[in-house]
N, C-alpha and C. Protein backbone atom coordinates (compact mmCIF):
# COMPACT_ATOMS: atom_id res chain seq x y z
N MET A 1 0.85 -1.18 0.00
CA MET A 1 0.00 0.00 0.00
C MET A 1 0.89 1.25 0.00
N ASN A 2 0.52 2.19 -0.81
CA ASN A 2 1.26 3.43 -0.91
C ASN A 2 0.91 4.32 0.29
N LYS A 3 1.84 4.44 1.23
CA LYS A 3 1.58 5.16 2.49
C LYS A 3 1.40 6.67 2.26
N ILE A 4 2.10 7.23 1.29
CA ILE A 4 1.95 8.65 1.00
C ILE A 4 0.56 8.92 0.44
N LYS A 5 0.13 8.08 -0.47
CA LYS A 5 -1.20 8.23 -1.05
C LYS A 5 -2.27 8.06 0.05
N LEU A 6 -2.07 7.12 0.95
CA LEU A 6 -3.02 6.93 2.05
C LEU A 6 -3.07 8.16 2.93
N SER A 7 -1.92 8.70 3.30
CA SER A 7 -1.86 9.89 4.15
C SER A 7 -2.56 11.07 3.48
N LYS A 8 -2.31 11.26 2.19
CA LYS A 8 -2.95 12.37 1.47
C LYS A 8 -4.46 12.18 1.39
N THR A 9 -4.89 10.95 1.20
CA THR A 9 -6.33 10.68 1.12
C THR A 9 -7.00 10.91 2.46
N VAL A 10 -6.38 10.44 3.54
CA VAL A 10 -6.95 10.65 4.88
C VAL A 10 -6.98 12.15 5.18
N SER A 11 -5.94 12.88 4.83
CA SER A 11 -5.93 14.34 5.02
C SER A 11 -7.06 14.99 4.23
N TYR A 12 -7.22 14.60 3.00
CA TYR A 12 -8.28 15.15 2.14
C TYR A 12 -9.65 14.93 2.79
N ILE A 13 -9.87 13.73 3.28
CA ILE A 13 -11.16 13.40 3.89
C ILE A 13 -11.36 14.17 5.19
N LEU A 14 -10.41 14.06 6.10
CA LEU A 14 -10.59 14.60 7.46
C LEU A 14 -10.39 16.11 7.55
N ARG A 15 -9.71 16.72 6.58
CA ARG A 15 -9.48 18.17 6.63
C ARG A 15 -10.44 18.95 5.72
N HIS A 16 -10.83 18.33 4.59
CA HIS A 16 -11.49 19.14 3.58
C HIS A 16 -12.81 18.59 3.03
N HIS A 17 -12.85 17.32 2.65
CA HIS A 17 -14.02 16.82 1.92
C HIS A 17 -14.48 15.43 2.39
N PRO A 18 -14.99 15.31 3.60
CA PRO A 18 -15.50 14.01 4.04
C PRO A 18 -16.69 13.54 3.20
N GLU A 19 -17.46 14.51 2.70
CA GLU A 19 -18.66 14.17 1.92
C GLU A 19 -18.31 13.42 0.63
N SER A 20 -17.11 13.61 0.12
CA SER A 20 -16.73 12.92 -1.11
C SER A 20 -16.52 11.42 -0.87
N PHE A 21 -16.46 11.02 0.39
CA PHE A 21 -16.37 9.61 0.76
C PHE A 21 -17.59 9.20 1.59
N ASP A 22 -18.67 9.98 1.43
CA ASP A 22 -19.94 9.72 2.15
C ASP A 22 -19.77 9.71 3.66
N LEU A 23 -18.94 10.61 4.16
CA LEU A 23 -18.73 10.74 5.61
C LEU A 23 -19.14 12.14 6.05
N LYS A 24 -19.46 12.26 7.32
CA LYS A 24 -19.75 13.56 7.92
C LYS A 24 -19.00 13.62 9.24
N LEU A 25 -18.20 14.67 9.40
CA LEU A 25 -17.45 14.83 10.64
C LEU A 25 -18.35 15.38 11.73
N ALA A 26 -18.09 14.95 12.95
CA ALA A 26 -18.76 15.52 14.11
C ALA A 26 -18.20 16.93 14.33
N ALA A 27 -18.85 17.71 15.16
CA ALA A 27 -18.42 19.09 15.41
C ALA A 27 -16.98 19.14 15.94
N ASP A 28 -16.53 18.08 16.62
CA ASP A 28 -15.16 18.06 17.15
C ASP A 28 -14.15 17.54 16.12
N ALA A 29 -14.57 17.45 14.87
CA ALA A 29 -13.72 17.04 13.73
C ALA A 29 -13.41 15.55 13.70
N THR A 30 -14.14 14.76 14.47
CA THR A 30 -13.89 13.32 14.47
C THR A 30 -14.90 12.58 13.60
N VAL A 31 -14.50 11.37 13.25
CA VAL A 31 -15.38 10.44 12.56
C VAL A 31 -15.07 9.06 13.17
N LYS A 32 -16.03 8.17 13.15
CA LYS A 32 -15.78 6.82 13.65
C LYS A 32 -14.69 6.17 12.81
N THR A 33 -13.74 5.57 13.47
CA THR A 33 -12.61 4.93 12.79
C THR A 33 -13.11 3.85 11.82
N ASP A 34 -14.09 3.06 12.25
CA ASP A 34 -14.63 2.00 11.38
C ASP A 34 -15.30 2.59 10.14
N ASP A 35 -15.96 3.74 10.29
CA ASP A 35 -16.58 4.39 9.13
C ASP A 35 -15.52 4.89 8.15
N LEU A 36 -14.44 5.46 8.68
CA LEU A 36 -13.35 5.90 7.81
C LEU A 36 -12.73 4.72 7.08
N LEU A 37 -12.50 3.62 7.80
CA LEU A 37 -11.93 2.43 7.17
C LEU A 37 -12.82 1.92 6.04
N ALA A 38 -14.12 1.87 6.28
CA ALA A 38 -15.05 1.40 5.24
C ALA A 38 -14.99 2.32 4.02
N ALA A 39 -14.91 3.62 4.25
CA ALA A 39 -14.82 4.57 3.14
C ALA A 39 -13.50 4.41 2.39
N LEU A 40 -12.41 4.21 3.11
CA LEU A 40 -11.10 4.06 2.48
C LEU A 40 -10.99 2.78 1.67
N GLN A 41 -11.76 1.76 2.03
CA GLN A 41 -11.68 0.49 1.32
C GLN A 41 -12.16 0.60 -0.13
N LYS A 42 -12.85 1.68 -0.45
CA LYS A 42 -13.25 1.90 -1.85
C LYS A 42 -12.02 2.22 -2.71
N LYS A 43 -11.00 2.80 -2.08
CA LYS A 43 -9.78 3.20 -2.81
C LYS A 43 -8.60 2.28 -2.48
N PHE A 44 -8.55 1.80 -1.25
CA PHE A 44 -7.46 0.93 -0.77
C PHE A 44 -8.08 -0.39 -0.34
N LYS A 45 -8.15 -1.34 -1.24
CA LYS A 45 -8.89 -2.59 -1.02
C LYS A 45 -8.44 -3.36 0.23
N ASP A 46 -7.15 -3.39 0.50
CA ASP A 46 -6.63 -4.22 1.59
C ASP A 46 -6.33 -3.45 2.88
N ILE A 47 -6.86 -2.24 3.02
CA ILE A 47 -6.55 -1.45 4.20
C ILE A 47 -7.14 -2.08 5.46
N SER A 48 -6.39 -1.97 6.55
CA SER A 48 -6.85 -2.50 7.84
C SER A 48 -6.72 -1.42 8.90
N LYS A 49 -7.29 -1.70 10.05
CA LYS A 49 -7.16 -0.76 11.16
C LYS A 49 -5.69 -0.61 11.54
N ALA A 50 -4.93 -1.68 11.43
CA ALA A 50 -3.49 -1.63 11.73
C ALA A 50 -2.78 -0.62 10.81
N ASP A 51 -3.22 -0.52 9.56
CA ASP A 51 -2.63 0.46 8.64
C ASP A 51 -2.91 1.89 9.11
N LEU A 52 -4.13 2.13 9.60
CA LEU A 52 -4.46 3.46 10.13
C LEU A 52 -3.67 3.76 11.39
N VAL A 53 -3.56 2.78 12.26
CA VAL A 53 -2.79 2.97 13.50
C VAL A 53 -1.35 3.32 13.16
N GLU A 54 -0.78 2.61 12.20
CA GLU A 54 0.60 2.89 11.77
C GLU A 54 0.72 4.31 11.21
N LEU A 55 -0.27 4.71 10.40
CA LEU A 55 -0.26 6.06 9.82
C LEU A 55 -0.26 7.11 10.93
N VAL A 56 -1.15 6.96 11.90
CA VAL A 56 -1.27 7.94 12.99
C VAL A 56 0.00 7.96 13.84
N GLU A 57 0.48 6.81 14.22
CA GLU A 57 1.64 6.72 15.12
C GLU A 57 2.94 7.15 14.48
N ASN A 58 3.06 6.99 13.16
CA ASN A 58 4.34 7.29 12.49
C ASN A 58 4.35 8.59 11.71
N ASP A 59 3.28 9.36 11.77
CA ASP A 59 3.24 10.61 11.04
C ASP A 59 4.10 11.65 11.76
N ALA A 60 5.19 12.04 11.13
CA ALA A 60 6.15 12.95 11.76
C ALA A 60 5.56 14.32 12.06
N LYS A 61 4.55 14.74 11.31
CA LYS A 61 3.95 16.05 11.52
C LYS A 61 2.77 16.02 12.48
N GLY A 62 2.43 14.86 13.00
CA GLY A 62 1.34 14.75 13.96
C GLY A 62 0.01 15.20 13.38
N ARG A 63 -0.26 14.84 12.14
CA ARG A 63 -1.48 15.30 11.46
C ARG A 63 -2.77 14.70 12.02
N PHE A 64 -2.69 13.48 12.59
CA PHE A 64 -3.88 12.76 12.98
C PHE A 64 -3.78 12.27 14.42
N SER A 65 -4.95 12.02 15.02
CA SER A 65 -4.96 11.39 16.34
C SER A 65 -6.24 10.58 16.50
N PHE A 66 -6.13 9.59 17.35
CA PHE A 66 -7.28 8.77 17.73
C PHE A 66 -7.85 9.32 19.03
N LEU A 67 -9.14 9.13 19.21
CA LEU A 67 -9.81 9.46 20.46
C LEU A 67 -10.65 8.25 20.88
N ASP A 68 -11.04 8.22 22.13
CA ASP A 68 -11.91 7.15 22.64
C ASP A 68 -11.37 5.77 22.32
N GLU A 69 -10.12 5.53 22.70
CA GLU A 69 -9.47 4.23 22.52
C GLU A 69 -9.56 3.74 21.08
N GLN A 70 -9.25 4.64 20.15
CA GLN A 70 -9.19 4.39 18.71
C GLN A 70 -10.56 4.18 18.07
N GLU A 71 -11.61 4.51 18.78
CA GLU A 71 -12.96 4.41 18.22
C GLU A 71 -13.23 5.54 17.23
N ARG A 72 -12.56 6.70 17.45
CA ARG A 72 -12.75 7.87 16.58
C ARG A 72 -11.37 8.38 16.16
N ILE A 73 -11.36 9.05 15.01
CA ILE A 73 -10.11 9.59 14.47
C ILE A 73 -10.39 11.00 13.96
N ARG A 74 -9.35 11.84 13.98
CA ARG A 74 -9.49 13.19 13.43
C ARG A 74 -8.15 13.68 12.90
N ALA A 75 -8.23 14.70 12.04
CA ALA A 75 -7.04 15.46 11.67
C ALA A 75 -6.85 16.49 12.78
N ASN A 76 -5.62 16.71 13.18
CA ASN A 76 -5.35 17.62 14.29
C ASN A 76 -5.37 19.09 13.88
N TYR A 77 -5.17 19.36 12.60
CA TYR A 77 -5.14 20.75 12.12
C TYR A 77 -5.35 20.75 10.61
N GLY A 78 -5.56 21.93 10.07
CA GLY A 78 -5.66 22.08 8.62
C GLY A 78 -7.08 22.02 8.07
N HIS A 79 -8.07 22.09 8.93
CA HIS A 79 -9.46 21.96 8.48
C HIS A 79 -9.94 23.17 7.69
N SER A 80 -10.72 22.89 6.66
CA SER A 80 -11.39 23.95 5.91
C SER A 80 -12.90 23.74 5.90
N ILE A 81 -13.37 22.86 6.74
CA ILE A 81 -14.79 22.50 6.79
C ILE A 81 -15.51 23.41 7.78
N GLU A 82 -16.51 24.12 7.30
CA GLU A 82 -17.26 25.03 8.16
C GLU A 82 -18.00 24.24 9.23
N GLY A 83 -18.00 24.77 10.46
CA GLY A 83 -18.71 24.14 11.56
C GLY A 83 -17.92 23.07 12.28
N VAL A 84 -16.72 22.78 11.80
CA VAL A 84 -15.85 21.79 12.45
C VAL A 84 -14.85 22.54 13.30
N ASN A 85 -14.80 22.19 14.57
CA ASN A 85 -13.91 22.89 15.49
C ASN A 85 -13.39 21.91 16.53
N PRO A 86 -12.23 21.32 16.28
CA PRO A 86 -11.67 20.42 17.29
C PRO A 86 -11.54 21.14 18.63
N ASP A 87 -11.67 20.40 19.68
CA ASP A 87 -11.64 20.96 21.02
C ASP A 87 -10.20 21.23 21.44
N TYR A 88 -9.64 22.31 20.89
CA TYR A 88 -8.26 22.66 21.21
C TYR A 88 -8.20 23.39 22.54
N GLU A 89 -7.12 23.17 23.25
CA GLU A 89 -6.89 23.88 24.51
C GLU A 89 -5.86 24.97 24.26
N ALA A 90 -6.22 26.19 24.67
CA ALA A 90 -5.29 27.32 24.49
C ALA A 90 -4.04 27.08 25.34
N VAL A 91 -2.87 27.39 24.74
CA VAL A 91 -1.59 27.21 25.43
C VAL A 91 -0.74 28.45 25.25
N LYS A 92 0.24 28.57 26.13
CA LYS A 92 1.22 29.66 26.02
C LYS A 92 2.22 29.28 24.93
N PRO A 93 2.35 30.11 23.89
CA PRO A 93 3.28 29.78 22.80
C PRO A 93 4.71 30.17 23.15
N PRO A 94 5.66 29.74 22.32
CA PRO A 94 7.02 30.24 22.49
C PRO A 94 7.06 31.73 22.14
N GLU A 95 8.18 32.37 22.43
CA GLU A 95 8.29 33.81 22.18
C GLU A 95 8.03 34.15 20.71
N TYR A 96 8.57 33.33 19.80
CA TYR A 96 8.39 33.59 18.38
C TYR A 96 7.88 32.35 17.65
N LEU A 97 7.03 32.58 16.70
CA LEU A 97 6.59 31.56 15.75
C LEU A 97 6.80 32.14 14.36
N TYR A 98 6.63 31.31 13.32
CA TYR A 98 6.95 31.73 11.97
C TYR A 98 5.85 31.32 10.99
N HIS A 99 5.70 32.11 9.96
CA HIS A 99 4.70 31.83 8.93
C HIS A 99 5.33 32.02 7.56
N GLY A 100 5.26 31.00 6.73
CA GLY A 100 5.81 31.07 5.39
C GLY A 100 4.72 31.30 4.37
N THR A 101 5.02 32.13 3.38
CA THR A 101 4.04 32.43 2.34
C THR A 101 4.74 32.80 1.04
N THR A 102 3.97 33.34 0.11
CA THR A 102 4.50 33.70 -1.21
C THR A 102 4.77 35.21 -1.30
N PRO A 103 5.65 35.62 -2.20
CA PRO A 103 5.93 37.05 -2.37
C PRO A 103 4.69 37.85 -2.78
N GLU A 104 3.77 37.21 -3.48
CA GLU A 104 2.58 37.91 -3.98
C GLU A 104 1.68 38.44 -2.86
N VAL A 105 1.69 37.82 -1.70
CA VAL A 105 0.79 38.25 -0.61
C VAL A 105 1.53 38.99 0.51
N LYS A 106 2.82 39.14 0.37
CA LYS A 106 3.64 39.77 1.41
C LYS A 106 3.09 41.13 1.84
N ASN A 107 2.86 42.04 0.90
CA ASN A 107 2.42 43.39 1.25
C ASN A 107 1.03 43.41 1.85
N LYS A 108 0.18 42.54 1.36
CA LYS A 108 -1.18 42.45 1.92
C LYS A 108 -1.12 42.00 3.39
N ILE A 109 -0.26 41.03 3.69
CA ILE A 109 -0.11 40.55 5.06
C ILE A 109 0.50 41.65 5.94
N LEU A 110 1.49 42.36 5.42
CA LEU A 110 2.09 43.45 6.20
C LEU A 110 1.05 44.53 6.54
N ALA A 111 0.09 44.73 5.65
CA ALA A 111 -0.92 45.76 5.86
C ALA A 111 -2.08 45.29 6.75
N SER A 112 -2.52 44.05 6.56
CA SER A 112 -3.74 43.63 7.27
C SER A 112 -3.59 42.39 8.14
N GLY A 113 -2.39 41.84 8.23
CA GLY A 113 -2.16 40.68 9.08
C GLY A 113 -2.38 39.37 8.34
N ILE A 114 -2.30 38.28 9.10
CA ILE A 114 -2.47 36.95 8.53
C ILE A 114 -3.87 36.46 8.85
N LYS A 115 -4.56 36.01 7.81
CA LYS A 115 -5.93 35.51 7.95
C LYS A 115 -5.96 34.03 7.56
N PRO A 116 -6.92 33.29 8.08
CA PRO A 116 -6.96 31.86 7.79
C PRO A 116 -7.28 31.50 6.35
N MET A 117 -7.81 32.46 5.61
CA MET A 117 -8.19 32.24 4.20
C MET A 117 -9.15 31.05 4.13
N GLY A 118 -8.83 29.99 3.40
CA GLY A 118 -9.75 28.88 3.24
C GLY A 118 -9.73 27.87 4.37
N ARG A 119 -8.99 28.15 5.40
CA ARG A 119 -8.88 27.23 6.55
C ARG A 119 -9.60 27.83 7.75
N ASN A 120 -9.73 27.04 8.79
CA ASN A 120 -10.40 27.52 10.00
C ASN A 120 -9.46 28.32 10.90
N TYR A 121 -8.15 28.11 10.76
CA TYR A 121 -7.15 28.79 11.59
C TYR A 121 -5.93 29.15 10.76
N VAL A 122 -5.15 30.07 11.29
CA VAL A 122 -3.84 30.40 10.74
C VAL A 122 -2.86 29.36 11.29
N HIS A 123 -2.01 28.84 10.43
CA HIS A 123 -1.01 27.84 10.82
C HIS A 123 0.35 28.51 10.97
N LEU A 124 0.98 28.26 12.11
CA LEU A 124 2.29 28.84 12.41
C LEU A 124 3.28 27.72 12.76
N SER A 125 4.52 27.92 12.40
CA SER A 125 5.57 26.93 12.64
C SER A 125 6.49 27.39 13.77
N VAL A 126 7.09 26.42 14.47
CA VAL A 126 8.00 26.77 15.56
C VAL A 126 9.38 27.15 15.04
N GLY A 127 9.68 26.79 13.79
CA GLY A 127 11.00 27.11 13.25
C GLY A 127 10.93 27.70 11.85
N VAL A 128 11.98 28.41 11.49
CA VAL A 128 12.08 29.02 10.17
C VAL A 128 12.14 27.95 9.09
N LYS A 129 12.87 26.87 9.36
CA LYS A 129 13.03 25.80 8.38
C LYS A 129 11.67 25.22 7.99
N GLU A 130 10.82 24.94 8.96
CA GLU A 130 9.50 24.40 8.67
C GLU A 130 8.63 25.42 7.93
N ALA A 131 8.71 26.68 8.32
CA ALA A 131 7.93 27.73 7.65
C ALA A 131 8.34 27.84 6.18
N LYS A 132 9.65 27.73 5.90
CA LYS A 132 10.12 27.76 4.51
C LYS A 132 9.61 26.56 3.73
N LYS A 133 9.60 25.41 4.39
CA LYS A 133 9.12 24.19 3.74
C LYS A 133 7.64 24.35 3.36
N VAL A 134 6.86 24.92 4.25
CA VAL A 134 5.44 25.16 3.98
C VAL A 134 5.29 26.11 2.78
N ALA A 135 6.04 27.20 2.80
CA ALA A 135 5.95 28.20 1.72
C ALA A 135 6.39 27.62 0.38
N ARG A 136 7.37 26.73 0.39
CA ARG A 136 7.90 26.17 -0.85
C ARG A 136 6.90 25.27 -1.57
N ARG A 137 5.79 24.94 -0.91
CA ARG A 137 4.74 24.20 -1.60
C ARG A 137 4.08 25.07 -2.67
N ARG A 138 4.22 26.41 -2.51
CA ARG A 138 3.56 27.33 -3.43
C ARG A 138 4.51 28.27 -4.18
N THR A 139 5.77 28.31 -3.75
CA THR A 139 6.70 29.24 -4.39
C THR A 139 8.14 28.78 -4.21
N ASN A 140 9.00 29.22 -5.13
CA ASN A 140 10.44 28.96 -4.99
C ASN A 140 11.13 30.10 -4.25
N GLN A 141 10.37 31.16 -3.93
CA GLN A 141 10.92 32.32 -3.23
C GLN A 141 10.11 32.56 -1.95
N PRO A 142 10.28 31.71 -0.95
CA PRO A 142 9.46 31.85 0.26
C PRO A 142 9.71 33.16 1.00
N VAL A 143 8.64 33.69 1.52
CA VAL A 143 8.68 34.88 2.37
C VAL A 143 8.32 34.39 3.78
N ILE A 144 9.16 34.71 4.75
CA ILE A 144 8.94 34.23 6.11
C ILE A 144 8.66 35.40 7.04
N PHE A 145 7.57 35.28 7.77
CA PHE A 145 7.22 36.28 8.78
C PHE A 145 7.58 35.76 10.15
N ASN A 146 8.16 36.63 10.93
CA ASN A 146 8.43 36.38 12.34
C ASN A 146 7.20 36.86 13.12
N ILE A 147 6.66 36.02 13.96
CA ILE A 147 5.46 36.34 14.73
C ILE A 147 5.84 36.52 16.19
N GLU A 148 5.52 37.65 16.76
CA GLU A 148 5.74 37.86 18.20
C GLU A 148 4.60 37.18 18.96
N ALA A 149 4.68 35.85 19.01
CA ALA A 149 3.59 35.05 19.55
C ALA A 149 3.36 35.28 21.04
N LEU A 150 4.41 35.32 21.80
CA LEU A 150 4.25 35.48 23.25
C LEU A 150 3.63 36.84 23.58
N ARG A 151 4.05 37.88 22.89
CA ARG A 151 3.46 39.20 23.11
C ARG A 151 1.98 39.19 22.73
N ALA A 152 1.66 38.57 21.60
CA ALA A 152 0.26 38.47 21.18
C ALA A 152 -0.56 37.70 22.22
N PHE A 153 0.01 36.63 22.74
CA PHE A 153 -0.66 35.82 23.78
C PHE A 153 -0.95 36.68 25.01
N HIS A 154 0.05 37.43 25.45
CA HIS A 154 -0.13 38.28 26.64
C HIS A 154 -1.14 39.40 26.40
N GLU A 155 -1.38 39.70 25.13
CA GLU A 155 -2.35 40.74 24.80
C GLU A 155 -3.71 40.15 24.39
N GLY A 156 -3.91 38.84 24.67
CA GLY A 156 -5.22 38.23 24.50
C GLY A 156 -5.41 37.28 23.34
N GLN A 157 -4.40 37.06 22.53
CA GLN A 157 -4.51 36.14 21.39
C GLN A 157 -4.39 34.70 21.88
N ASN A 158 -5.30 33.83 21.46
CA ASN A 158 -5.22 32.41 21.81
C ASN A 158 -4.37 31.66 20.80
N PHE A 159 -3.58 30.73 21.30
CA PHE A 159 -2.78 29.85 20.47
C PHE A 159 -3.08 28.42 20.89
N TYR A 160 -3.03 27.52 19.90
CA TYR A 160 -3.32 26.11 20.16
C TYR A 160 -2.20 25.28 19.55
N LYS A 161 -1.59 24.43 20.36
CA LYS A 161 -0.53 23.55 19.85
C LYS A 161 -1.21 22.25 19.42
N THR A 162 -1.11 21.95 18.13
CA THR A 162 -1.80 20.78 17.61
C THR A 162 -0.87 19.66 17.17
N ALA A 163 0.40 19.96 17.06
CA ALA A 163 1.41 18.98 16.70
C ALA A 163 2.74 19.50 17.24
N GLU A 164 3.76 18.70 17.16
CA GLU A 164 5.05 19.07 17.73
C GLU A 164 5.54 20.43 17.25
N ASP A 165 5.38 20.71 15.96
CA ASP A 165 5.94 21.93 15.37
C ASP A 165 4.88 22.90 14.85
N ILE A 166 3.62 22.69 15.19
CA ILE A 166 2.53 23.49 14.63
C ILE A 166 1.69 24.14 15.73
N TYR A 167 1.46 25.42 15.56
CA TYR A 167 0.52 26.15 16.41
C TYR A 167 -0.55 26.76 15.51
N LEU A 168 -1.74 26.88 16.03
CA LEU A 168 -2.84 27.52 15.32
C LEU A 168 -3.29 28.74 16.09
N THR A 169 -3.87 29.69 15.38
CA THR A 169 -4.49 30.84 16.00
C THR A 169 -5.53 31.39 15.03
N ASP A 170 -6.38 32.29 15.54
CA ASP A 170 -7.31 32.98 14.64
C ASP A 170 -6.49 33.98 13.84
N GLN A 171 -7.15 34.83 13.10
CA GLN A 171 -6.37 35.82 12.33
C GLN A 171 -5.43 36.57 13.26
N LEU A 172 -4.34 37.04 12.70
CA LEU A 172 -3.27 37.65 13.48
C LEU A 172 -2.98 39.04 12.95
N SER A 173 -3.05 40.01 13.83
CA SER A 173 -2.83 41.41 13.46
C SER A 173 -1.41 41.63 12.94
N ALA A 174 -1.28 42.55 12.01
CA ALA A 174 0.03 42.91 11.47
C ALA A 174 0.94 43.50 12.54
N ASP A 175 0.38 43.95 13.66
CA ASP A 175 1.18 44.50 14.76
C ASP A 175 2.18 43.50 15.32
N TYR A 176 1.92 42.22 15.14
CA TYR A 176 2.78 41.18 15.70
C TYR A 176 3.73 40.57 14.67
N LEU A 177 3.77 41.14 13.48
CA LEU A 177 4.54 40.55 12.38
C LEU A 177 5.74 41.39 11.99
N SER A 178 6.78 40.70 11.57
CA SER A 178 7.91 41.38 10.92
C SER A 178 8.47 40.39 9.89
N LEU A 179 9.05 40.94 8.84
CA LEU A 179 9.66 40.11 7.82
C LEU A 179 11.04 39.66 8.26
N LEU A 180 11.35 38.40 8.02
CA LEU A 180 12.72 37.93 8.25
C LEU A 180 13.53 38.20 7.01
N ASN A 181 14.80 38.41 7.18
CA ASN A 181 15.70 38.51 6.02
C ASN A 181 15.80 37.10 5.44
N ASN A 182 15.24 36.89 4.27
CA ASN A 182 15.11 35.55 3.72
C ASN A 182 16.30 35.11 2.87
N LYS A 183 17.41 35.72 3.04
CA LYS A 183 18.58 35.34 2.22
C LYS A 183 19.32 34.19 2.82
């Protein structure tokens, strides 16, 4: 079984389009694991629960998690589905976080801040390297913003840690942003 294809398919279902596999996510972004397996069997004939467990446990980015003793599964971040809101707990972020993007939106972000766009939250990285990697999905000239996350937190902004290197927040004011020298 192609593990990359499986990961991308599970991400597609749990983050963006469960309806395309005849699934509906609960408000907490979960779906019954057995229902997901049945849906995946249309594309991956030999998939088993062990394959899903391996995917969740070995995903370096922490994209997925099980709940209720593996009875339910969800994507931890990256949702674009309206009305889906995983039960994230607000946490104190590190002093700085980073956001990678394209040169085309740089000035707009400097003027009006970072907005979730087609997602439910803004995604921030703990390191510059990861932020560049994210930006390189859309451009060969990544633009990296330094986020004064701790200052924003102390001024009332909520942050949610959803994976080892990923934090989420609602839209972020330009007051907390500065451009890194990307050379």
